[in-house]
Amino acid sequence: MNLHLSGRHLEITPAIHDYVASKLRRVTHHFDHVIDVNIILSVEKLRHRIEAGAHVRGKDIFCESADADMYAAIDSLIDKLDRAIIKHKEKFLDHRHDGTSLRRLAGE
């Protein structure tokens, strides 16, 4: 998985980078076919916004979150992204003709 972090009106510190990378491990734990994740962190007055675009096999998933605290916004975004990727995974496995073998490989 390729992770690209960028900031608008915000410097990406190593602590923020490590925090986002550790939280994204949960997403890749559920679905291995995440190819690329682009995350944009921004600050607008007292509001911290975070946007993520994940490129998975067959679809691009976009999520965004905003909060007064950057780490709370990151947690909220990862929860949204995780739910969206799990939903995509379920649809992906259900639409396959040989989905039962893929489910066994996925450990379900």
C-alpha atoms as a PDB file:
ATOM      1  CA  MET A   1       0.000   0.000   0.000  1.00  0.00           C
ATOM      2  CA  ASN A   2       1.290   3.419  -0.954  1.00  0.00           C
ATOM      3  CA  LEU A   3       0.534   6.221   1.494  1.00  0.00           C
ATOM      4  CA  HIS A   4       0.697   9.866   0.387  1.00  0.00           C
ATOM      5  CA  LEU A   5       0.190  12.553   3.039  1.00  0.00           C
ATOM      6  CA  SER A   6      -0.067  16.237   2.245  1.00  0.00           C
ATOM      7  CA  GLY A   7      -1.040  19.253   4.295  1.00  0.00           C
ATOM      8  CA  ARG A   8      -2.795  22.511   3.526  1.00  0.00           C
ATOM      9  CA  HIS A   9      -1.755  25.255   5.942  1.00  0.00           C
ATOM     10  CA  LEU A  10      -0.257  22.499   8.085  1.00  0.00           C
ATOM     11  CA  GLU A  11       3.139  20.898   8.405  1.00  0.00           C
ATOM     12  CA  ILE A  12       3.041  17.101   8.501  1.00  0.00           C
ATOM     13  CA  THR A  13       5.068  16.127  11.559  1.00  0.00           C
ATOM     14  CA  PRO A  14       6.564  12.657  12.002  1.00  0.00           C
ATOM     15  CA  ALA A  15       4.132  12.068  14.891  1.00  0.00           C
ATOM     16  CA  ILE A  16       1.100  12.725  12.668  1.00  0.00           C
ATOM     17  CA  HIS A  17       2.584  10.605   9.868  1.00  0.00           C
ATOM     18  CA  ASP A  18       3.218   7.675  12.224  1.00  0.00           C
ATOM     19  CA  TYR A  19      -0.246   7.998  13.787  1.00  0.00           C
ATOM     20  CA  VAL A  20      -1.984   7.897  10.389  1.00  0.00           C
ATOM     21  CA  ALA A  21       0.175   4.986   9.206  1.00  0.00           C
ATOM     22  CA  SER A  22      -0.566   2.977  12.346  1.00  0.00           C
ATOM     23  CA  LYS A  23      -4.311   3.600  12.022  1.00  0.00           C
ATOM     24  CA  LEU A  24      -4.293   2.591   8.343  1.00  0.00           C
ATOM     25  CA  ARG A  25      -2.896  -0.822   9.263  1.00  0.00           C
ATOM     26  CA  ARG A  26      -6.389  -1.636  10.534  1.00  0.00           C
ATOM     27  CA  VAL A  27      -7.821  -0.940   7.092  1.00  0.00           C
ATOM     28  CA  THR A  28      -5.275  -3.148   5.339  1.00  0.00           C
ATOM     29  CA  HIS A  29      -5.936  -5.850   7.934  1.00  0.00           C
ATOM     30  CA  HIS A  30      -9.534  -6.127   6.661  1.00  0.00           C
ATOM     31  CA  PHE A  31      -8.781  -5.921   2.932  1.00  0.00           C
ATOM     32  CA  ASP A  32      -5.369  -6.596   1.392  1.00  0.00           C
ATOM     33  CA  HIS A  33      -6.106  -5.116  -2.035  1.00  0.00           C
ATOM     34  CA  VAL A  34      -5.743  -1.457  -1.038  1.00  0.00           C
ATOM     35  CA  ILE A  35      -3.357  -0.097  -3.665  1.00  0.00           C
ATOM     36  CA  ASP A  36      -2.977   3.586  -2.886  1.00  0.00           C
ATOM     37  CA  VAL A  37      -4.197   6.009  -0.190  1.00  0.00           C
ATOM     38  CA  ASN A  38      -4.005   9.794  -0.583  1.00  0.00           C
ATOM     39  CA  ILE A  39      -4.653  11.807   2.574  1.00  0.00           C
ATOM     40  CA  ILE A  40      -4.977  15.590   2.744  1.00  0.00           C
ATOM     41  CA  LEU A  41      -4.868  17.282   6.145  1.00  0.00           C
ATOM     42  CA  SER A  42      -5.997  20.899   6.365  1.00  0.00           C
ATOM     43  CA  VAL A  43      -6.664  23.550   8.981  1.00  0.00           C
ATOM     44  CA  GLU A  44      -9.389  26.158   8.500  1.00  0.00           C
ATOM     45  CA  LYS A  45      -9.537  28.525  11.472  1.00  0.00           C
ATOM     46  CA  LEU A  46     -10.246  26.226  14.436  1.00  0.00           C
ATOM     47  CA  ARG A  47     -11.493  23.325  12.348  1.00  0.00           C
ATOM     48  CA  HIS A  48      -9.241  20.427  11.354  1.00  0.00           C
ATOM     49  CA  ARG A  49     -10.287  18.655   8.175  1.00  0.00           C
ATOM     50  CA  ILE A  50      -8.986  15.422   6.759  1.00  0.00           C
ATOM     51  CA  GLU A  51      -9.826  13.830   3.408  1.00  0.00           C
ATOM     52  CA  ALA A  52      -8.817  10.414   2.146  1.00  0.00           C
ATOM     53  CA  GLY A  53      -9.035   8.821  -1.244  1.00  0.00           C
ATOM     54  CA  ALA A  54      -8.315   5.100  -1.348  1.00  0.00           C
ATOM     55  CA  HIS A  55      -7.724   3.280  -4.601  1.00  0.00           C
ATOM     56  CA  VAL A  56      -8.739  -0.351  -4.257  1.00  0.00           C
ATOM     57  CA  ARG A  57      -9.084  -2.934  -6.955  1.00  0.00           C
ATOM     58  CA  GLY A  58     -12.234  -2.026  -8.844  1.00  0.00           C
ATOM     59  CA  LYS A  59     -13.142   1.259  -7.150  1.00  0.00           C
ATOM     60  CA  ASP A  60     -11.968   4.573  -5.719  1.00  0.00           C
ATOM     61  CA  ILE A  61     -13.294   5.322  -2.223  1.00  0.00           C
ATOM     62  CA  PHE A  62     -13.448   8.873  -0.841  1.00  0.00           C
ATOM     63  CA  CYS A  63     -14.094   9.845   2.796  1.00  0.00           C
ATOM     64  CA  GLU A  64     -13.759  13.064   4.757  1.00  0.00           C
ATOM     65  CA  SER A  65     -14.011  14.137   8.373  1.00  0.00           C
ATOM     66  CA  ALA A  66     -13.755  17.345  10.391  1.00  0.00           C
ATOM     67  CA  ASP A  67     -13.263  17.988  14.095  1.00  0.00           C
ATOM     68  CA  ALA A  68     -11.760  20.512  16.500  1.00  0.00           C
ATOM     69  CA  ASP A  69      -8.863  18.109  17.205  1.00  0.00           C
ATOM     70  CA  MET A  70      -6.686  16.655  14.415  1.00  0.00           C
ATOM     71  CA  TYR A  71      -6.294  13.256  16.065  1.00  0.00           C
ATOM     72  CA  ALA A  72     -10.054  12.944  16.612  1.00  0.00           C
ATOM     73  CA  ALA A  73     -10.605  13.814  12.947  1.00  0.00           C
ATOM     74  CA  ILE A  74      -8.093  11.128  11.941  1.00  0.00           C
ATOM     75  CA  ASP A  75      -9.855   8.531  14.106  1.00  0.00           C
ATOM     76  CA  SER A  76     -13.235   9.438  12.642  1.00  0.00           C
ATOM     77  CA  LEU A  77     -11.896   9.289   9.087  1.00  0.00           C
ATOM     78  CA  ILE A  78     -10.283   5.884   9.609  1.00  0.00           C
ATOM     79  CA  ASP A  79     -13.580   4.530  10.971  1.00  0.00           C
ATOM     80  CA  LYS A  80     -15.441   5.813   7.898  1.00  0.00           C
ATOM     81  CA  LEU A  81     -12.803   4.503   5.510  1.00  0.00           C
ATOM     82  CA  ASP A  82     -12.775   1.118   7.225  1.00  0.00           C
ATOM     83  CA  ARG A  83     -16.561   0.773   6.930  1.00  0.00           C
ATOM     84  CA  ALA A  84     -16.481   1.777   3.257  1.00  0.00           C
ATOM     85  CA  ILE A  85     -13.719  -0.700   2.429  1.00  0.00           C
ATOM     86  CA  ILE A  86     -15.470  -3.536   4.277  1.00  0.00           C
ATOM     87  CA  LYS A  87     -18.660  -2.736   2.346  1.00  0.00           C
ATOM     88  CA  HIS A  88     -16.701  -2.793  -0.927  1.00  0.00           C
ATOM     89  CA  LYS A  89     -15.074  -6.099   0.052  1.00  0.00           C
ATOM     90  CA  GLU A  90     -18.455  -7.702   0.755  1.00  0.00           C
ATOM     91  CA  LYS A  91     -19.843  -6.546  -2.589  1.00  0.00           C
ATOM     92  CA  PHE A  92     -16.673  -7.659  -4.349  1.00  0.00           C
ATOM     93  CA  LEU A  93     -16.906 -11.162  -2.879  1.00  0.00           C
ATOM     94  CA  ASP A  94     -20.656 -11.472  -3.496  1.00  0.00           C
ATOM     95  CA  HIS A  95     -20.423 -10.544  -7.178  1.00  0.00           C
ATOM     96  CA  ARG A  96     -17.741 -13.079  -7.990  1.00  0.00           C
ATOM     97  CA  HIS A  97     -18.781 -16.383  -9.503  1.00  0.00           C
ATOM     98  CA  ASP A  98     -16.206 -18.246  -7.458  1.00  0.00           C
ATOM     99  CA  GLY A  99     -16.624 -16.083  -4.341  1.00  0.00           C
ATOM    100  CA  THR A 100     -16.644 -19.037  -1.961  1.00  0.00           C
ATOM    101  CA  SER A 101     -13.010 -19.825  -2.672  1.00  0.00           C
ATOM    102  CA  LEU A 102     -12.070 -16.180  -2.164  1.00  0.00           C
ATOM    103  CA  ARG A 103     -13.918 -16.130   1.145  1.00  0.00           C
ATOM    104  CA  ARG A 104     -11.962 -19.144   2.319  1.00  0.00           C
ATOM    105  CA  LEU A 105      -8.717 -17.427   1.328  1.00  0.00           C
ATOM    106  CA  ALA A 106      -9.769 -14.276   3.186  1.00  0.00           C
ATOM    107  CA  GLY A 107     -10.355 -16.295   6.346  1.00  0.00           C
ATOM    108  CA  GLU A 108     -14.087 -15.810   6.661  1.00  0.00           C
END
